[in-house]
C-alpha atoms as a PDB file:
ATOM      1  CA  UNK A   1      99.024 -35.363   9.753  1.00  0.00           C
ATOM      2  CA  UNK A   2      98.900 -35.235   6.059  1.00  0.00           C
ATOM      3  CA  UNK A   3      98.955 -32.140   3.923  1.00  0.00           C
ATOM      4  CA  UNK A   4      95.325 -32.498   2.915  1.00  0.00           C
ATOM      5  CA  UNK A   5      94.158 -32.661   6.526  1.00  0.00           C
ATOM      6  CA  UNK A   6      96.171 -29.543   7.400  1.00  0.00           C
ATOM      7  CA  UNK A   7      94.812 -27.736   4.322  1.00  0.00           C
ATOM      8  CA  UNK A   8      91.258 -28.710   5.213  1.00  0.00           C
ATOM      9  CA  UNK A   9      91.708 -27.380   8.769  1.00  0.00           C
ATOM     10  CA  UNK A  10      93.193 -24.130   7.455  1.00  0.00           C
ATOM     11  CA  UNK A  11      90.366 -23.793   4.952  1.00  0.00           C
ATOM     12  CA  UNK A  12      87.714 -24.329   7.657  1.00  0.00           C
ATOM     13  CA  UNK A  13      89.481 -21.823   9.913  1.00  0.00           C
ATOM     14  CA  UNK A  14      89.718 -19.291   7.087  1.00  0.00           C
ATOM     15  CA  UNK A  15      86.054 -19.842   6.074  1.00  0.00           C
ATOM     16  CA  UNK A  16      84.998 -19.386   9.707  1.00  0.00           C
ATOM     17  CA  UNK A  17      86.847 -16.074   9.929  1.00  0.00           C
ATOM     18  CA  UNK A  18      85.357 -14.850   6.666  1.00  0.00           C
ATOM     19  CA  UNK A  19      81.872 -15.757   7.872  1.00  0.00           C
ATOM     20  CA  UNK A  20      82.502 -13.943  11.140  1.00  0.00           C
ATOM     21  CA  UNK A  21      83.765 -10.818   9.353  1.00  0.00           C
ATOM     22  CA  UNK A  22      80.772 -10.848   6.985  1.00  0.00           C
ATOM     23  CA  UNK A  23      78.347 -11.135   9.912  1.00  0.00           C
ATOM     24  CA  UNK A  24      80.070  -8.293  11.803  1.00  0.00           C
ATOM     25  CA  UNK A  25      80.055  -6.053   8.706  1.00  0.00           C
ATOM     26  CA  UNK A  26      76.375  -6.839   8.131  1.00  0.00           C
ATOM     27  CA  UNK A  27      75.528  -5.952  11.737  1.00  0.00           C
ATOM     28  CA  UNK A  28      77.503  -2.702  11.511  1.00  0.00           C
ATOM     29  CA  UNK A  29      75.644  -1.728   8.320  1.00  0.00           C
ATOM     30  CA  UNK A  30      72.243  -2.551   9.860  1.00  0.00           C
ATOM     31  CA  UNK A  31      73.057  -0.622  13.036  1.00  0.00           C
ATOM     32  CA  UNK A  32      74.295   2.363  10.993  1.00  0.00           C
ATOM     33  CA  UNK A  33      71.093   2.447   8.942  1.00  0.00           C
ATOM     34  CA  UNK A  34      68.986   2.202  12.104  1.00  0.00           C
ATOM     35  CA  UNK A  35      70.973   5.020  13.707  1.00  0.00           C
ATOM     36  CA  UNK A  36      70.591   7.259  10.648  1.00  0.00           C
ATOM     37  CA  UNK A  37      66.834   6.655  10.639  1.00  0.00           C
ATOM     38  CA  UNK A  38      66.595   7.502  14.351  1.00  0.00           C
ATOM     39  CA  UNK A  39      68.597  10.711  13.897  1.00  0.00           C
ATOM     40  CA  UNK A  40      66.307  11.756  11.028  1.00  0.00           C
ATOM     41  CA  UNK A  41      63.218  10.996  13.116  1.00  0.00           C
ATOM     42  CA  UNK A  42      64.692  12.986  16.012  1.00  0.00           C
ATOM     43  CA  UNK A  43      65.274  15.985  13.752  1.00  0.00           C
ATOM     44  CA  UNK A  44      61.711  15.747  12.403  1.00  0.00           C
ATOM     45  CA  UNK A  45      60.297  15.600  15.928  1.00  0.00           C
ATOM     46  CA  UNK A  46      62.385  18.596  16.998  1.00  0.00           C
ATOM     47  CA  UNK A  47      60.989  20.531  14.043  1.00  0.00           C
ATOM     48  CA  UNK A  48      57.431  19.591  15.015  1.00  0.00           C
ATOM     49  CA  UNK A  49      58.164  20.564  18.613  1.00  0.00           C
ATOM     50  CA  UNK A  50      59.444  23.985  17.524  1.00  0.00           C
ATOM     51  CA  UNK A  51      56.287  24.568  15.453  1.00  0.00           C
ATOM     52  CA  UNK A  52      54.045  23.514  18.333  1.00  0.00           C
ATOM     53  CA  UNK A  53      55.981  25.751  20.720  1.00  0.00           C
ATOM     54  CA  UNK A  54      55.491  28.769  18.445  1.00  0.00           C
ATOM     55  CA  UNK A  55      51.779  27.924  18.113  1.00  0.00           C
ATOM     56  CA  UNK A  56      51.537  27.726  21.904  1.00  0.00           C
ATOM     57  CA  UNK A  57      53.131  31.152  22.314  1.00  0.00           C
ATOM     58  CA  UNK A  58      50.763  32.575  19.685  1.00  0.00           C
ATOM     59  CA  UNK A  59      47.717  31.073  21.413  1.00  0.00           C
ATOM     60  CA  UNK A  60      48.892  32.400  24.775  1.00  0.00           C
ATOM     61  CA  UNK A  61      49.129  35.903  23.282  1.00  0.00           C
ATOM     62  CA  UNK A  62      45.609  35.596  21.859  1.00  0.00           C
ATOM     63  CA  UNK A  63      44.373  34.371  25.219  1.00  0.00           C
ATOM     64  CA  UNK A  64      45.996  37.331  26.968  1.00  0.00           C
ATOM     65  CA  UNK A  65      44.442  39.777  24.498  1.00  0.00           C
ATOM     66  CA  UNK A  66      40.997  38.250  25.040  1.00  0.00           C
ATOM     67  CA  UNK A  67      41.471  38.367  28.799  1.00  0.00           C
ATOM     68  CA  UNK A  68      42.456  42.043  28.594  1.00  0.00           C
ATOM     69  CA  UNK A  69      39.438  42.783  26.407  1.00  0.00           C
ATOM     70  CA  UNK A  70      37.146  40.943  28.830  1.00  0.00           C
ATOM     71  CA  UNK A  71      38.520  42.961  31.740  1.00  0.00           C
ATOM     72  CA  UNK A  72      38.000  46.187  29.759  1.00  0.00           C
ATOM     73  CA  UNK A  73      34.358  45.321  29.032  1.00  0.00           C
ATOM     74  CA  UNK A  74      33.714  45.204  32.796  1.00  0.00           C
ATOM     75  CA  UNK A  75      34.872  48.794  33.333  1.00  0.00           C
ATOM     76  CA  UNK A  76      32.753  51.925  33.559  1.00  0.00           C
ATOM     77  CA  UNK A  77      34.779  53.481  30.751  1.00  0.00           C
ATOM     78  CA  UNK A  78      33.671  50.755  28.332  1.00  0.00           C
ATOM     79  CA  UNK A  79      30.026  51.138  29.317  1.00  0.00           C
ATOM     80  CA  UNK A  80      30.253  54.915  28.866  1.00  0.00           C
ATOM     81  CA  UNK A  81      31.978  54.683  25.482  1.00  0.00           C
ATOM     82  CA  UNK A  82      29.464  52.114  24.235  1.00  0.00           C
ATOM     83  CA  UNK A  83      26.546  54.246  25.383  1.00  0.00           C
ATOM     84  CA  UNK A  84      27.955  57.319  23.623  1.00  0.00           C
ATOM     85  CA  UNK A  85      29.074  55.703  20.383  1.00  0.00           C
ATOM     86  CA  UNK A  86      26.414  53.091  19.753  1.00  0.00           C
ATOM     87  CA  UNK A  87      23.367  54.482  21.496  1.00  0.00           C
ATOM     88  CA  UNK A  88      24.033  58.213  21.213  1.00  0.00           C
ATOM     89  CA  UNK A  89      23.519  58.797  24.929  1.00  0.00           C
ATOM     90  CA  UNK A  90      25.190  61.649  26.809  1.00  0.00           C
ATOM     91  CA  UNK A  91      25.620  62.657  30.431  1.00  0.00           C
ATOM     92  CA  UNK A  92      23.335  65.283  31.942  1.00  0.00           C
ATOM     93  CA  UNK A  93      26.015  67.990  32.085  1.00  0.00           C
ATOM     94  CA  UNK A  94      27.407  67.439  28.564  1.00  0.00           C
ATOM     95  CA  UNK A  95      26.724  69.782  25.678  1.00  0.00           C
ATOM     96  CA  UNK A  96      26.203  68.330  22.227  1.00  0.00           C
ATOM     97  CA  UNK A  97      27.381  70.205  19.156  1.00  0.00           C
ATOM     98  CA  UNK A  98      25.980  69.193  15.799  1.00  0.00           C
ATOM     99  CA  UNK A  99      27.239  70.281  12.431  1.00  0.00           C
ATOM    100  CA  UNK A 100      24.856  71.476   9.785  1.00  0.00           C
END
């Protein structure tokens, strides 16, 4: 083989390796960018989840308070207090003192 044929083969081999390295580097860069974007999205979703979890706890507390209030409104004590405070009613054996 002549020198030019050997040089041409070496050049093609070298160009093939360079192309391969460039493609691998490109793929690594693309995969790194995709991974960074996914990590950022994961962090954003975790933040949203934490906010929603705190809102859920808050709504559960409000629900419990309303349930307690509803149970209280079904008691005799509530009816008696409402009758005294809003309607001015008293029991038969109670004495009313009024200030002048």
